[in-house]
Amino acid sequence: MPQTDIFNRNTNVFGGSFSADSAKLTFPALRNAAGAAIGADMGLLVQQLGVNYTQQVARLYEVGQPAIYYVGGRTAGTISLDRVVGPRALNEEFYRTYGDVCRARQNMLQFSFQQGCGDTNVAGNVFREVAYQCHFCVITGINANVRAQDMIINEGLQIMFSSLLYTDQGIGNLRGGDVQ
């Protein structure tokens, strides 16, 4: 006898799963005094990250014609990053690097996560890393606050950037063009 869902729903197909533990945020432009990269292990205690990326598009019309023309303009992005001011002494280098508009060319922020919990999903598809890279990053604003009940210093950063690259196959195959 065939089995039927109590509510007559077809919910017996598992589509896959993923773990939040695979998400990471790195700051590739950060270097220590010896020049070694330290941005992959930054430990900024980030609590929230928001990214907004837009492009300007102008509409043009021709008098006496029904045609509409789109003209693609410049791209621009903003990042909002909320964090807890923590025990690590790397904050000064972070501010010095990402706050310096003259270093924007090498300032990059990357966030990525692993798709899935293993090597393949139920359909046999291989899971990959999804990554976003924000290029030409510069801190444009900062705010800090503390609440009396927990005395935790919370900080908010606003960062601007001009190019957002995306990949779903790992960091070597980013889409969006070459950034110089």
Protein backbone atom coordinates (compact mmCIF):
# COMPACT_ATOMS: atom_id res chain seq x y z
CA MET A 1 0.00 0.00 0.00
CA PRO A 2 1.51 3.40 -0.97
CA GLN A 3 2.29 5.85 1.81
CA THR A 4 0.66 9.27 1.76
CA ASP A 5 1.66 12.42 3.59
CA ILE A 6 -0.86 13.38 6.29
CA PHE A 7 -1.36 16.81 4.67
CA ASN A 8 -1.10 15.48 1.10
CA ARG A 9 2.20 17.25 0.48
CA ASN A 10 5.16 16.06 -1.53
CA THR A 11 7.95 16.83 0.96
CA ASN A 12 9.89 13.59 0.85
CA VAL A 13 12.63 14.82 -1.52
CA PHE A 14 15.77 16.05 0.25
CA GLY A 15 17.37 18.86 -1.77
CA GLY A 16 20.65 19.05 0.14
CA SER A 17 22.13 21.01 3.03
CA PHE A 18 24.94 23.37 3.89
CA SER A 19 26.68 24.55 7.01
CA ALA A 20 27.17 28.12 8.20
CA ASP A 21 30.57 27.03 9.57
CA SER A 22 32.02 27.19 6.06
CA ALA A 23 31.56 30.98 5.70
CA LYS A 24 34.65 33.14 5.95
CA LEU A 25 35.63 36.77 5.55
CA THR A 26 39.19 37.70 4.62
CA PHE A 27 41.15 40.90 4.08
CA PRO A 28 43.86 39.98 1.52
CA ALA A 29 45.51 43.44 1.57
CA LEU A 30 46.60 43.16 5.22
CA ARG A 31 50.28 42.42 5.79
CA ASN A 32 52.48 42.27 8.89
CA ALA A 33 55.77 44.16 9.31
CA ALA A 34 57.64 41.40 7.45
CA GLY A 35 55.23 41.68 4.50
CA ALA A 36 53.47 38.36 5.11
CA ALA A 37 49.71 38.22 4.51
CA ILE A 38 47.67 38.28 7.74
CA GLY A 39 44.21 39.09 6.36
CA ALA A 40 43.04 35.46 6.10
CA ASP A 41 43.28 35.07 9.88
CA MET A 42 42.19 38.56 10.91
CA GLY A 43 39.73 37.82 13.71
CA LEU A 44 37.79 41.09 13.67
CA LEU A 45 34.78 39.51 15.44
CA VAL A 46 32.50 40.54 12.57
CA GLN A 47 28.84 40.21 13.51
CA GLN A 48 27.19 41.44 10.32
CA LEU A 49 28.27 42.12 6.75
CA GLY A 50 26.13 43.82 4.12
CA VAL A 51 27.16 44.49 0.53
CA ASN A 52 25.40 46.74 -1.97
CA TYR A 53 26.63 46.92 -5.58
CA THR A 54 24.95 49.07 -8.22
CA GLN A 55 25.47 50.30 -11.74
CA GLN A 56 24.24 53.51 -13.30
CA VAL A 57 21.97 52.97 -16.28
CA ALA A 58 20.61 55.94 -18.24
CA ARG A 59 17.53 55.70 -20.43
CA LEU A 60 17.60 57.57 -23.72
CA TYR A 61 14.64 58.22 -25.98
CA GLU A 62 14.51 59.43 -29.53
CA VAL A 63 11.96 62.11 -30.42
CA GLY A 64 9.28 60.66 -32.66
CA GLN A 65 10.39 57.05 -32.14
CA PRO A 66 9.17 54.43 -29.63
CA ALA A 67 12.66 53.00 -29.08
CA ILE A 68 14.30 53.06 -25.65
CA TYR A 69 18.08 52.92 -25.32
CA TYR A 70 20.00 51.89 -22.22
CA VAL A 71 23.46 53.30 -21.58
CA GLY A 72 25.52 51.49 -18.95
CA GLY A 73 27.48 53.79 -16.68
CA ARG A 74 29.79 53.37 -13.72
CA THR A 75 29.59 50.80 -10.97
CA ALA A 76 29.76 51.55 -7.25
CA GLY A 77 29.48 49.51 -4.10
CA THR A 78 29.20 49.93 -0.37
CA ILE A 79 29.89 47.57 2.50
CA SER A 80 28.51 47.86 5.99
CA LEU A 81 30.43 45.84 8.54
CA ASP A 82 29.39 45.58 12.18
CA ARG A 83 31.83 44.09 14.62
CA VAL A 84 32.73 43.78 18.27
CA VAL A 85 35.98 45.48 19.27
CA GLY A 86 37.93 42.52 20.56
CA PRO A 87 41.19 41.42 22.10
CA ARG A 88 43.37 41.30 18.99
CA ALA A 89 45.86 44.09 18.32
CA LEU A 90 45.41 43.97 14.54
CA ASN A 91 42.89 46.82 14.41
CA GLU A 92 45.50 49.54 13.86
CA GLU A 93 46.87 47.83 10.74
CA PHE A 94 43.34 47.28 9.45
CA TYR A 95 42.52 51.00 9.79
CA ARG A 96 45.87 52.04 8.32
CA THR A 97 45.42 49.77 5.29
CA TYR A 98 41.72 50.12 4.46
CA GLY A 99 41.41 53.74 5.62
CA ASP A 100 44.12 54.99 3.25
CA VAL A 101 42.61 56.12 -0.05
CA CYS A 102 46.09 55.99 -1.60
CA ARG A 103 46.17 52.20 -1.02
CA ALA A 104 42.77 51.56 -2.63
CA ARG A 105 44.29 49.83 -5.65
CA GLN A 106 45.43 46.83 -3.56
CA ASN A 107 42.64 46.90 -0.94
CA MET A 108 40.38 43.91 -1.40
CA LEU A 109 37.81 42.24 0.83
CA GLN A 110 36.65 38.70 0.17
CA PHE A 111 33.82 36.68 1.61
CA SER A 112 33.08 33.10 0.67
CA PHE A 113 31.28 29.98 1.75
CA GLN A 114 31.23 26.30 0.86
CA GLN A 115 28.16 24.99 -0.88
CA GLY A 116 26.99 21.81 0.84
CA CYS A 117 28.27 19.66 3.68
CA GLY A 118 30.36 17.17 1.71
CA ASP A 119 31.81 16.46 -1.68
CA THR A 120 28.57 15.69 -3.54
CA ASN A 121 24.83 16.28 -3.10
CA VAL A 122 22.01 13.78 -3.52
CA ALA A 123 22.05 14.26 -7.31
CA GLY A 124 25.79 13.65 -7.50
CA ASN A 125 26.72 17.32 -8.13
CA VAL A 126 30.08 18.40 -6.75
CA PHE A 127 29.91 21.17 -4.17
CA ARG A 128 32.06 24.22 -4.71
CA GLU A 129 33.08 27.36 -2.95
CA VAL A 130 31.14 30.53 -3.71
CA ALA A 131 33.27 33.66 -3.35
CA TYR A 132 32.80 37.42 -3.74
CA GLN A 133 35.70 39.86 -3.98
CA CYS A 134 35.24 43.59 -3.46
CA HIS A 135 38.07 45.59 -5.07
CA PHE A 136 39.41 49.11 -4.42
CA CYS A 137 38.03 49.18 -0.84
CA VAL A 138 38.35 52.29 1.34
CA ILE A 139 36.80 52.98 4.76
CA THR A 140 34.53 56.04 4.46
CA GLY A 141 32.95 56.08 7.89
CA ILE A 142 33.09 54.58 11.35
CA ASN A 143 30.83 54.61 14.38
CA ALA A 144 31.17 53.06 17.82
CA ASN A 145 28.79 52.48 20.70
CA VAL A 146 28.71 50.70 24.03
CA ARG A 147 25.82 49.63 26.27
CA ALA A 148 26.10 49.83 30.04
CA GLN A 149 24.65 46.35 30.66
CA ASP A 150 27.39 44.44 28.81
CA MET A 151 30.20 47.01 28.24
CA ILE A 152 30.88 45.51 24.81
CA ILE A 153 32.16 48.06 22.33
CA ASN A 154 30.36 47.69 19.01
CA GLU A 155 31.76 49.29 15.89
CA GLY A 156 30.21 49.94 12.51
CA LEU A 157 32.29 50.55 9.40
CA GLN A 158 31.19 51.90 6.05
CA ILE A 159 33.44 50.94 3.15
CA MET A 160 33.20 51.92 -0.50
CA PHE A 161 34.42 49.81 -3.42
CA SER A 162 34.20 49.91 -7.21
CA SER A 163 34.31 46.35 -8.50
CA LEU A 164 32.63 43.14 -7.31
CA LEU A 165 33.78 39.80 -8.68
CA TYR A 166 31.97 36.50 -8.20
CA THR A 167 32.92 32.86 -8.55
CA ASP A 168 31.25 29.57 -7.76
CA GLN A 169 34.31 27.43 -8.55
CA GLY A 170 36.92 28.71 -6.13
CA ILE A 171 39.07 31.79 -5.97
CA GLY A 172 41.01 31.10 -9.17
CA ASN A 173 38.10 31.63 -11.58
CA LEU A 174 36.53 34.92 -10.54
CA ARG A 175 34.00 36.47 -12.90
CA GLY A 176 33.64 40.14 -13.58
CA GLY A 177 36.79 40.93 -15.53
CA ASP A 178 40.39 41.35 -14.59
CA VAL A 179 41.07 43.89 -11.88
CA GLN A 180 44.34 45.72 -12.25
